[in-house]
C-alpha cells in the first residue's frame, strides 16, 4: 500500500470501521454475504424488527457494503462485491487463529 493513498483515504476507512463496529450491522452484513435475501427474511433470521433492519441496510448501502436488486415486489440484499466477503473472512480468520503472547 502506498502511504499517500492510505493517508488520503484514512477518514473514509475510519468511517467504515466505525460503521462495522455496530454488532447489528455486522450481523446483517454477514448474513448478506451468504447470498441475496429479502428484508423480511433478514429480519426474521436475525430476530430483529424490519424497520431496524431497513435502517441499517440504508447505512450499509451508503457505504457500498451491500447492494440490492428488485425481484417483483421483493428487494433482495447481498454483499456489494467479493471485497466485502473477503474482508469479513480475513478478519474472522485473524480473530480465530491461534496466537502466541510472545509475538
N, C-alpha and C. Protein backbone atom coordinates (compact mmCIF):
# COMPACT_ATOMS: atom_id res chain seq x y z
N UNK A 1 0.84 -1.18 0.00
CA UNK A 1 0.00 0.00 0.00
C UNK A 1 0.88 1.24 0.00
N UNK A 2 0.51 2.19 -0.82
CA UNK A 2 1.25 3.44 -0.85
C UNK A 2 0.76 4.33 0.28
N UNK A 3 1.71 4.92 1.00
CA UNK A 3 1.37 5.74 2.16
C UNK A 3 0.48 6.91 1.77
N UNK A 4 0.76 7.55 0.64
CA UNK A 4 -0.05 8.70 0.24
C UNK A 4 -1.50 8.30 -0.04
N UNK A 5 -1.70 7.13 -0.64
CA UNK A 5 -3.05 6.64 -0.91
C UNK A 5 -3.77 6.33 0.39
N UNK A 6 -3.07 5.66 1.29
CA UNK A 6 -3.67 5.33 2.59
C UNK A 6 -4.02 6.60 3.34
N UNK A 7 -3.07 7.54 3.41
CA UNK A 7 -3.31 8.79 4.15
C UNK A 7 -4.52 9.55 3.62
N UNK A 8 -4.68 9.59 2.32
CA UNK A 8 -5.78 10.36 1.75
C UNK A 8 -7.14 9.70 1.98
N UNK A 9 -7.13 8.41 2.29
CA UNK A 9 -8.39 7.69 2.50
C UNK A 9 -8.63 7.27 3.95
N UNK A 10 -7.77 7.70 4.85
CA UNK A 10 -7.93 7.32 6.26
C UNK A 10 -9.27 7.74 6.86
N UNK A 11 -9.77 8.94 6.59
CA UNK A 11 -11.08 9.29 7.16
C UNK A 11 -12.19 8.35 6.69
N UNK A 12 -12.19 7.97 5.41
CA UNK A 12 -13.20 7.04 4.89
C UNK A 12 -13.04 5.66 5.52
N UNK A 13 -11.80 5.24 5.69
CA UNK A 13 -11.54 3.94 6.29
C UNK A 13 -12.00 3.93 7.75
N UNK A 14 -11.74 5.00 8.47
CA UNK A 14 -12.19 5.10 9.86
C UNK A 14 -13.71 5.07 9.94
N UNK A 15 -14.38 5.76 9.01
CA UNK A 15 -15.85 5.73 8.98
C UNK A 15 -16.37 4.32 8.72
N UNK A 16 -15.70 3.60 7.82
CA UNK A 16 -16.10 2.24 7.51
C UNK A 16 -15.97 1.33 8.73
N UNK A 17 -14.84 1.43 9.44
CA UNK A 17 -14.67 0.61 10.64
C UNK A 17 -15.66 1.00 11.73
N UNK A 18 -15.97 2.29 11.83
CA UNK A 18 -16.98 2.73 12.81
C UNK A 18 -18.34 2.12 12.47
N UNK A 19 -18.67 2.11 11.19
CA UNK A 19 -19.93 1.53 10.73
C UNK A 19 -19.98 0.04 11.07
N UNK A 20 -18.88 -0.66 10.86
CA UNK A 20 -18.83 -2.10 11.13
C UNK A 20 -18.67 -2.41 12.61
N UNK A 21 -18.46 -1.39 13.43
CA UNK A 21 -18.33 -1.59 14.86
C UNK A 21 -19.66 -1.87 15.55
N UNK A 22 -20.74 -1.71 14.83
CA UNK A 22 -22.06 -1.99 15.38
C UNK A 22 -22.40 -3.46 15.13
N UNK A 23 -22.66 -4.20 16.19
CA UNK A 23 -22.92 -5.63 16.09
C UNK A 23 -24.11 -5.95 15.19
N UNK A 24 -25.15 -5.16 15.28
CA UNK A 24 -26.33 -5.42 14.46
C UNK A 24 -26.00 -5.27 12.98
N UNK A 25 -25.30 -4.20 12.61
CA UNK A 25 -24.93 -4.02 11.20
C UNK A 25 -24.01 -5.13 10.74
N UNK A 26 -23.10 -5.54 11.60
CA UNK A 26 -22.18 -6.61 11.24
C UNK A 26 -22.93 -7.92 11.03
N UNK A 27 -23.90 -8.22 11.88
CA UNK A 27 -24.74 -9.43 11.71
C UNK A 27 -25.49 -9.38 10.39
N UNK A 28 -26.03 -8.22 10.06
CA UNK A 28 -26.76 -8.06 8.80
C UNK A 28 -25.82 -8.28 7.62
N UNK A 29 -24.65 -7.69 7.67
CA UNK A 29 -23.69 -7.82 6.58
C UNK A 29 -23.24 -9.26 6.41
N UNK A 30 -22.93 -9.93 7.50
CA UNK A 30 -22.51 -11.33 7.43
C UNK A 30 -23.61 -12.19 6.81
N UNK A 31 -24.85 -11.92 7.15
CA UNK A 31 -25.97 -12.66 6.58
C UNK A 31 -26.10 -12.38 5.08
N UNK A 32 -25.88 -11.15 4.68
CA UNK A 32 -25.97 -10.77 3.26
C UNK A 32 -24.85 -11.39 2.43
N UNK A 33 -23.75 -11.74 3.06
CA UNK A 33 -22.64 -12.37 2.34
C UNK A 33 -23.06 -13.75 1.82
N UNK A 34 -23.97 -14.39 2.53
CA UNK A 34 -24.41 -15.74 2.15
C UNK A 34 -25.19 -15.76 0.84
N UNK A 35 -25.69 -14.63 0.42
CA UNK A 35 -26.45 -14.56 -0.82
C UNK A 35 -27.62 -13.63 -0.68
N UNK A 36 -28.30 -13.35 -1.78
CA UNK A 36 -29.42 -12.41 -1.76
C UNK A 36 -30.50 -12.84 -0.76
N UNK A 37 -30.98 -11.86 -0.01
CA UNK A 37 -32.01 -12.13 0.99
C UNK A 37 -32.93 -10.92 1.09
N UNK A 38 -34.21 -11.19 1.23
CA UNK A 38 -35.21 -10.13 1.36
C UNK A 38 -35.15 -9.53 2.77
N UNK A 39 -35.57 -8.28 2.87
CA UNK A 39 -35.52 -7.58 4.16
C UNK A 39 -36.32 -8.33 5.22
N UNK A 40 -37.50 -8.79 4.87
CA UNK A 40 -38.33 -9.52 5.83
C UNK A 40 -37.67 -10.80 6.31
N UNK A 41 -37.05 -11.52 5.38
CA UNK A 41 -36.35 -12.76 5.75
C UNK A 41 -35.13 -12.46 6.60
N UNK A 42 -34.46 -11.38 6.27
CA UNK A 42 -33.29 -10.96 7.05
C UNK A 42 -33.71 -10.62 8.48
N UNK A 43 -34.79 -9.87 8.61
CA UNK A 43 -35.30 -9.51 9.93
C UNK A 43 -35.71 -10.75 10.73
N UNK A 44 -36.39 -11.69 10.07
CA UNK A 44 -36.82 -12.91 10.74
C UNK A 44 -35.62 -13.76 11.16
N UNK A 45 -34.65 -13.90 10.27
CA UNK A 45 -33.46 -14.70 10.56
C UNK A 45 -32.70 -14.15 11.76
N UNK A 46 -32.58 -12.81 11.82
CA UNK A 46 -31.81 -12.19 12.89
C UNK A 46 -32.66 -11.81 14.10
N UNK A 47 -33.97 -12.10 14.01
CA UNK A 47 -34.92 -11.77 15.07
C UNK A 47 -34.86 -10.29 15.44
N UNK A 48 -34.97 -9.46 14.39
CA UNK A 48 -34.96 -8.01 14.54
C UNK A 48 -36.18 -7.42 13.87
N UNK A 49 -36.55 -6.22 14.27
CA UNK A 49 -37.66 -5.53 13.62
C UNK A 49 -37.26 -5.15 12.19
N UNK A 50 -38.21 -5.29 11.28
CA UNK A 50 -37.93 -4.99 9.88
C UNK A 50 -37.52 -3.54 9.69
N UNK A 51 -38.10 -2.63 10.45
CA UNK A 51 -37.72 -1.21 10.32
C UNK A 51 -36.27 -0.99 10.75
N UNK A 52 -35.84 -1.70 11.78
CA UNK A 52 -34.45 -1.59 12.23
C UNK A 52 -33.49 -2.12 11.16
N UNK A 53 -33.84 -3.26 10.58
CA UNK A 53 -33.01 -3.85 9.53
C UNK A 53 -32.94 -2.90 8.34
N UNK A 54 -34.06 -2.33 7.95
CA UNK A 54 -34.09 -1.39 6.82
C UNK A 54 -33.19 -0.18 7.09
N UNK A 55 -33.25 0.33 8.31
CA UNK A 55 -32.40 1.47 8.69
C UNK A 55 -30.91 1.12 8.52
N UNK A 56 -30.52 -0.02 9.05
CA UNK A 56 -29.12 -0.43 8.96
C UNK A 56 -28.71 -0.74 7.52
N UNK A 57 -29.62 -1.31 6.74
CA UNK A 57 -29.32 -1.58 5.34
C UNK A 57 -29.07 -0.29 4.57
N UNK A 58 -29.81 0.77 4.89
CA UNK A 58 -29.56 2.06 4.23
C UNK A 58 -28.14 2.54 4.50
N UNK A 59 -27.69 2.39 5.73
CA UNK A 59 -26.32 2.80 6.08
C UNK A 59 -25.29 1.93 5.36
N UNK A 60 -25.54 0.64 5.32
CA UNK A 60 -24.61 -0.28 4.65
C UNK A 60 -24.58 -0.04 3.15
N UNK A 61 -25.73 0.30 2.57
CA UNK A 61 -25.77 0.65 1.14
C UNK A 61 -24.99 1.92 0.87
N UNK A 62 -25.16 2.92 1.73
CA UNK A 62 -24.46 4.19 1.55
C UNK A 62 -22.95 4.00 1.60
N UNK A 63 -22.51 3.01 2.38
CA UNK A 63 -21.08 2.72 2.50
C UNK A 63 -20.61 1.75 1.41
N UNK A 64 -21.52 1.37 0.52
CA UNK A 64 -21.24 0.46 -0.59
C UNK A 64 -20.81 -0.93 -0.12
N UNK A 65 -21.37 -1.37 1.01
CA UNK A 65 -21.07 -2.70 1.53
C UNK A 65 -22.12 -3.73 1.10
N UNK A 66 -23.34 -3.26 0.85
CA UNK A 66 -24.38 -4.14 0.32
C UNK A 66 -24.98 -3.50 -0.93
N UNK A 67 -25.56 -4.35 -1.75
CA UNK A 67 -26.28 -3.89 -2.93
C UNK A 67 -27.66 -4.51 -2.88
N UNK A 68 -28.55 -3.98 -3.69
CA UNK A 68 -29.89 -4.55 -3.72
C UNK A 68 -30.34 -4.72 -5.16
N UNK A 69 -31.29 -5.63 -5.32
CA UNK A 69 -31.93 -5.82 -6.61
C UNK A 69 -33.40 -6.10 -6.36
N UNK A 70 -34.22 -5.62 -7.25
CA UNK A 70 -35.66 -5.84 -7.13
C UNK A 70 -36.03 -7.09 -7.91
N UNK A 71 -36.84 -7.91 -7.27
CA UNK A 71 -37.42 -9.08 -7.93
C UNK A 71 -38.91 -9.05 -7.64
N UNK A 72 -39.64 -8.47 -8.57
CA UNK A 72 -41.07 -8.30 -8.35
C UNK A 72 -41.31 -7.30 -7.23
N UNK A 73 -42.05 -7.74 -6.23
CA UNK A 73 -42.33 -6.86 -5.08
C UNK A 73 -41.23 -6.91 -4.03
N UNK A 74 -40.29 -7.82 -4.18
CA UNK A 74 -39.25 -8.02 -3.18
C UNK A 74 -37.98 -7.27 -3.54
N UNK A 75 -37.30 -6.80 -2.50
CA UNK A 75 -35.97 -6.20 -2.65
C UNK A 75 -35.01 -7.14 -1.95
N UNK A 76 -34.05 -7.64 -2.69
CA UNK A 76 -33.07 -8.58 -2.14
C UNK A 76 -31.73 -7.89 -1.94
N UNK A 77 -31.12 -8.14 -0.80
CA UNK A 77 -29.84 -7.55 -0.46
C UNK A 77 -28.76 -8.62 -0.44
N UNK A 78 -27.57 -8.23 -0.85
CA UNK A 78 -26.41 -9.12 -0.80
C UNK A 78 -25.16 -8.26 -0.64
N UNK A 79 -24.03 -8.92 -0.35
CA UNK A 79 -22.76 -8.21 -0.24
C UNK A 79 -22.49 -7.49 -1.56
N UNK A 80 -21.94 -6.31 -1.48
CA UNK A 80 -21.73 -5.49 -2.67
C UNK A 80 -20.80 -6.13 -3.67
N UNK A 81 -19.77 -6.79 -3.18
CA UNK A 81 -18.81 -7.44 -4.08
C UNK A 81 -17.93 -8.41 -3.28
N UNK A 82 -17.03 -9.05 -3.98
CA UNK A 82 -16.16 -10.05 -3.35
C UNK A 82 -15.24 -9.43 -2.31
N UNK A 83 -14.88 -8.14 -2.47
CA UNK A 83 -14.02 -7.48 -1.49
C UNK A 83 -14.65 -7.52 -0.10
N UNK A 84 -15.95 -7.28 -0.05
CA UNK A 84 -16.65 -7.27 1.24
C UNK A 84 -16.60 -8.66 1.87
N UNK A 85 -16.90 -9.67 1.08
CA UNK A 85 -16.85 -11.05 1.59
C UNK A 85 -15.45 -11.42 2.04
N UNK A 86 -14.46 -11.07 1.24
CA UNK A 86 -13.06 -11.38 1.58
C UNK A 86 -12.62 -10.66 2.85
N UNK A 87 -13.02 -9.39 2.99
CA UNK A 87 -12.64 -8.61 4.17
C UNK A 87 -13.18 -9.28 5.43
N UNK A 88 -14.45 -9.65 5.41
CA UNK A 88 -15.05 -10.29 6.58
C UNK A 88 -14.38 -11.63 6.89
N UNK A 89 -14.14 -12.41 5.85
CA UNK A 89 -13.49 -13.71 6.03
C UNK A 89 -12.09 -13.53 6.60
N UNK A 90 -11.33 -12.60 6.04
CA UNK A 90 -9.96 -12.36 6.51
C UNK A 90 -9.94 -11.89 7.96
N UNK A 91 -10.85 -11.02 8.33
CA UNK A 91 -10.88 -10.53 9.71
C UNK A 91 -11.29 -11.65 10.67
N UNK A 92 -12.24 -12.48 10.27
CA UNK A 92 -12.65 -13.60 11.11
C UNK A 92 -11.50 -14.60 11.25
N UNK A 93 -10.81 -14.89 10.14
CA UNK A 93 -9.64 -15.78 10.20
C UNK A 93 -8.60 -15.23 11.16
N UNK A 94 -8.40 -13.93 11.13
CA UNK A 94 -7.42 -13.30 12.02
C UNK A 94 -7.82 -13.46 13.49
N UNK A 95 -9.10 -13.30 13.76
CA UNK A 95 -9.58 -13.39 15.14
C UNK A 95 -9.46 -14.81 15.69
N UNK A 96 -9.77 -15.81 14.88
CA UNK A 96 -9.80 -17.18 15.39
C UNK A 96 -8.46 -17.91 15.31
N UNK A 97 -7.47 -17.32 14.61
CA UNK A 97 -6.20 -18.02 14.53
C UNK A 97 -5.49 -17.99 15.88
N UNK A 98 -4.82 -19.08 16.21
CA UNK A 98 -4.08 -19.13 17.48
C UNK A 98 -2.94 -18.13 17.44
N UNK A 99 -2.66 -17.55 18.57
CA UNK A 99 -1.54 -16.60 18.62
C UNK A 99 -0.76 -16.82 19.91
N UNK A 100 0.47 -16.44 19.83
CA UNK A 100 1.36 -16.56 20.97
C UNK A 100 1.48 -15.20 21.64
N UNK A 101 1.54 -15.20 22.96
CA UNK A 101 1.69 -13.96 23.71
C UNK A 101 3.06 -13.32 23.49
N UNK A 102 4.03 -14.08 22.98
CA UNK A 102 5.36 -13.52 22.79
C UNK A 102 5.51 -12.83 21.44
N UNK A 103 4.53 -12.94 20.59
CA UNK A 103 4.63 -12.30 19.27
C UNK A 103 4.31 -10.85 19.35
